[in-house]
Amino acid sequence: MLPAVAGICTNTTLPVHGTCVYHIEQNRSHSFVFQKKRVRKLPTIHPFLWFDNEAEEAAEFYVSVFPNSEIQTVIRMESAPSPEDGVVIVTFVLDGMKLQALNGGPTKFKFNESVSLLVWVETQAEIDHLWERLTADGGVPGQSGWLKDKYGLSWQIIPLGIDELLTDPDMDRANRVMQALLVMSKLNIAELHAAADAR
């Protein structure tokens, strides 16, 4: 169990990589360090991801993959043997969407395909780039635009406009697109349109 964070907060003025450091002491037995940046307000509902101990590593990987992304806050347990061992929660933004990652320790709870992060893209080049990055170093390609990254988190890489193809008033066109999609791993925009236009 993670210790509850409650106690005295003192704002120091020590800069850490252009941020400020905040100390919170809890029952005089734990000390946490917050590395925090001022950021614009984001939606109040966001994904919260449980890792064994790879939260910071995973967040750094994800922000390297997507544009307009950054690590915002790292909460560390100061009493840990090293800063890497002491990471508790990482808050980060992927292309404008806020996420948090927790180092909760090994448990029976693992990522699976029942929850995935869906990424809408405009071009085949974007699909190819994200597919290559997210399946690298142990990631696993799936079916119909789904994949698992090296941490086991599922993603869908989906082109904009696919909804229009699948809801085409011409049911034969829509059905051909669906049949083509179901046998693909990485989605191919040109092949989906070719399936729609086939006779």
Protein backbone atom coordinates (compact mmCIF):
# COMPACT_ATOMS: atom_id res chain seq x y z
CA MET A 1 0.00 0.00 0.00
CA LEU A 2 1.19 3.50 -0.78
CA PRO A 3 1.34 5.85 2.22
CA ALA A 4 -1.33 8.52 2.28
CA VAL A 5 0.06 11.94 1.47
CA ALA A 6 -1.11 14.31 4.16
CA GLY A 7 0.83 16.74 6.26
CA ILE A 8 2.81 19.95 6.08
CA CYS A 9 3.69 21.50 2.74
CA THR A 10 6.59 23.92 2.48
CA ASN A 11 7.54 25.60 -0.76
CA THR A 12 11.28 25.80 -1.26
CA THR A 13 12.89 27.91 -3.94
CA LEU A 14 15.32 25.32 -5.22
CA PRO A 15 15.08 25.10 -9.01
CA VAL A 16 15.07 21.62 -10.51
CA HIS A 17 15.39 21.69 -14.30
CA GLY A 18 13.48 24.95 -14.43
CA THR A 19 10.81 23.81 -11.96
CA CYS A 20 10.25 24.32 -8.25
CA VAL A 21 10.60 21.66 -5.58
CA TYR A 22 7.84 21.04 -3.04
CA HIS A 23 8.33 18.96 0.09
CA ILE A 24 5.48 17.20 1.88
CA GLU A 25 6.12 15.44 5.15
CA GLN A 26 3.68 12.79 6.26
CA ASN A 27 3.58 11.74 9.91
CA ARG A 28 7.32 12.56 10.02
CA SER A 29 8.02 9.13 8.52
CA HIS A 30 7.82 9.82 4.80
CA SER A 31 9.02 12.69 2.68
CA PHE A 32 7.89 13.27 -0.89
CA VAL A 33 9.40 15.60 -3.46
CA PHE A 34 7.19 17.14 -6.12
CA GLN A 35 8.79 18.44 -9.32
CA LYS A 36 6.10 20.63 -10.81
CA LYS A 37 5.59 22.98 -13.73
CA ARG A 38 2.85 25.55 -14.20
CA VAL A 39 0.56 24.24 -16.95
CA ARG A 40 -2.69 25.20 -18.55
CA LYS A 41 -5.87 23.70 -17.14
CA LEU A 42 -6.71 20.32 -18.62
CA PRO A 43 -9.88 18.20 -18.48
CA THR A 44 -10.59 16.62 -15.10
CA ILE A 45 -11.03 13.10 -16.49
CA HIS A 46 -7.88 11.39 -17.71
CA PRO A 47 -6.28 7.92 -17.88
CA PHE A 48 -4.39 6.67 -14.81
CA LEU A 49 -2.00 3.83 -15.60
CA TRP A 50 -0.61 1.29 -13.09
CA PHE A 51 2.95 0.05 -13.71
CA ASP A 52 5.08 -2.22 -11.55
CA ASN A 53 8.06 0.16 -11.45
CA GLU A 54 8.39 1.59 -14.97
CA ALA A 55 6.15 4.67 -14.65
CA GLU A 56 8.82 7.30 -15.29
CA GLU A 57 10.54 5.26 -18.01
CA ALA A 58 7.22 4.66 -19.77
CA ALA A 59 6.18 8.31 -19.53
CA GLU A 60 9.51 9.42 -20.99
CA PHE A 61 9.07 6.93 -23.82
CA TYR A 62 5.54 8.07 -24.61
CA VAL A 63 6.42 11.78 -24.67
CA SER A 64 9.25 10.94 -27.09
CA VAL A 65 6.73 9.35 -29.47
CA PHE A 66 4.02 12.01 -29.63
CA PRO A 67 4.29 15.72 -30.49
CA ASN A 68 3.18 18.46 -28.07
CA SER A 69 4.02 16.21 -25.13
CA GLU A 70 5.89 16.67 -21.86
CA ILE A 71 6.50 15.34 -18.37
CA GLN A 72 4.71 17.71 -16.00
CA THR A 73 5.13 16.34 -12.48
CA VAL A 74 7.19 13.61 -10.84
CA ILE A 75 6.32 12.64 -7.26
CA ARG A 76 9.22 10.90 -5.53
CA MET A 77 9.61 9.28 -2.13
CA GLU A 78 12.70 11.01 -0.77
CA SER A 79 13.61 8.14 1.56
CA ALA A 80 14.11 5.72 -1.37
CA PRO A 81 17.63 4.39 -2.04
CA SER A 82 17.82 6.34 -5.31
CA PRO A 83 15.66 8.89 -7.20
CA GLU A 84 14.77 6.21 -9.74
CA ASP A 85 13.57 3.85 -7.00
CA GLY A 86 11.55 6.60 -5.35
CA VAL A 87 9.19 7.50 -8.21
CA VAL A 88 5.56 7.18 -7.12
CA ILE A 89 3.41 9.06 -9.66
CA VAL A 90 4.31 10.71 -12.97
CA THR A 91 1.96 13.22 -14.59
CA PHE A 92 2.50 13.79 -18.29
CA VAL A 93 0.77 15.12 -21.40
CA LEU A 94 0.55 13.36 -24.77
CA ASP A 95 -0.41 15.72 -27.58
CA GLY A 96 -2.57 17.75 -25.19
CA MET A 97 -4.09 14.86 -23.21
CA LYS A 98 -3.16 14.50 -19.55
CA LEU A 99 -2.25 11.06 -18.17
CA GLN A 100 -0.79 9.81 -14.91
CA ALA A 101 1.38 6.76 -14.31
CA LEU A 102 1.74 5.03 -10.95
CA ASN A 103 4.50 2.76 -9.69
CA GLY A 104 2.20 0.50 -7.70
CA GLY A 105 4.50 -2.48 -7.41
CA PRO A 106 3.98 -5.96 -8.86
CA THR A 107 0.37 -7.16 -8.69
CA LYS A 108 -1.98 -9.45 -10.55
CA PHE A 109 -3.40 -6.40 -12.34
CA LYS A 110 -2.01 -6.15 -15.86
CA PHE A 111 -2.87 -4.14 -18.95
CA ASN A 112 -5.06 -5.95 -21.47
CA GLU A 113 -6.96 -5.26 -24.67
CA SER A 114 -10.20 -4.39 -22.86
CA VAL A 115 -8.79 -0.86 -22.40
CA SER A 116 -6.76 0.90 -25.09
CA LEU A 117 -5.66 4.38 -26.08
CA LEU A 118 -7.05 5.34 -29.50
CA VAL A 119 -4.97 7.68 -31.65
CA TRP A 120 -6.62 9.41 -34.62
CA VAL A 121 -4.20 10.23 -37.45
CA GLU A 122 -4.53 11.89 -40.84
CA THR A 123 -1.91 10.18 -43.01
CA GLN A 124 -0.38 6.80 -43.70
CA ALA A 125 3.01 8.23 -42.74
CA GLU A 126 1.67 8.94 -39.24
CA ILE A 127 0.28 5.42 -38.97
CA ASP A 128 3.59 3.93 -40.08
CA HIS A 129 5.61 6.10 -37.68
CA LEU A 130 3.48 5.42 -34.60
CA TRP A 131 3.21 1.72 -35.41
CA GLU A 132 6.97 1.40 -35.70
CA ARG A 133 7.68 3.33 -32.50
CA LEU A 134 5.03 1.69 -30.34
CA THR A 135 5.78 -1.89 -31.41
CA ALA A 136 9.56 -1.46 -31.00
CA ASP A 137 11.61 -3.32 -28.37
CA GLY A 138 9.05 -5.97 -27.52
CA GLY A 139 5.77 -4.42 -28.61
CA VAL A 140 3.29 -6.71 -30.36
CA PRO A 141 1.26 -5.93 -33.51
CA GLY A 142 -2.40 -6.82 -33.21
CA GLN A 143 -5.40 -6.93 -35.53
CA SER A 144 -7.41 -4.15 -37.13
CA GLY A 145 -5.16 -1.29 -36.04
CA TRP A 146 -4.53 -2.56 -32.50
CA LEU A 147 -1.11 -3.11 -30.95
CA LYS A 148 0.55 -3.58 -27.58
CA ASP A 149 3.63 -1.58 -26.65
CA LYS A 150 6.59 -2.96 -24.73
CA TYR A 151 4.85 -2.23 -21.42
CA GLY A 152 1.75 -4.19 -22.42
CA LEU A 153 -0.45 -1.12 -22.93
CA SER A 154 -2.85 -1.43 -25.87
CA TRP A 155 -3.21 1.25 -28.55
CA GLN A 156 -5.38 1.73 -31.62
CA ILE A 157 -3.86 3.69 -34.51
CA ILE A 158 -6.85 4.73 -36.63
CA PRO A 159 -7.09 7.03 -39.67
CA LEU A 160 -9.56 9.89 -39.73
CA GLY A 161 -12.35 9.24 -42.21
CA ILE A 162 -12.73 5.54 -41.44
CA ASP A 163 -16.08 6.23 -39.77
CA GLU A 164 -17.39 7.69 -43.03
CA LEU A 165 -16.26 4.60 -44.93
CA LEU A 166 -17.85 2.21 -42.44
CA THR A 167 -21.14 4.15 -42.37
CA ASP A 168 -21.40 4.67 -46.12
CA PRO A 169 -25.08 4.58 -47.22
CA ASP A 170 -23.99 2.02 -49.82
CA MET A 171 -23.93 -1.06 -47.59
CA ASP A 172 -21.81 -3.00 -50.06
CA ARG A 173 -19.06 -0.36 -49.88
CA ALA A 174 -19.20 -0.29 -46.09
CA ASN A 175 -19.09 -4.07 -45.89
CA ARG A 176 -16.07 -4.29 -48.19
CA VAL A 177 -14.21 -1.80 -45.99
CA MET A 178 -15.08 -3.77 -42.86
CA GLN A 179 -13.92 -7.04 -44.38
CA ALA A 180 -10.63 -5.44 -45.47
CA LEU A 181 -10.11 -3.88 -42.03
CA LEU A 182 -10.67 -7.17 -40.21
CA VAL A 183 -7.79 -8.93 -41.96
CA MET A 184 -5.31 -6.07 -41.56
CA SER A 185 -2.84 -5.64 -38.72
CA LYS A 186 -1.55 -2.11 -39.31
CA LEU A 187 -4.25 -0.20 -41.16
CA ASN A 188 -3.54 0.89 -44.73
CA ILE A 189 -5.58 3.90 -45.84
CA ALA A 190 -5.12 3.32 -49.57
CA GLU A 191 -6.19 -0.32 -49.30
CA LEU A 192 -9.27 0.61 -47.28
CA HIS A 193 -10.33 3.11 -49.95
CA ALA A 194 -9.55 0.58 -52.67
CA ALA A 195 -11.80 -1.94 -50.94
CA ALA A 196 -14.58 0.62 -50.78
CA ASP A 197 -14.29 1.37 -54.51
CA ALA A 198 -13.88 -2.26 -55.64
CA ARG A 199 -16.48 -3.75 -57.95
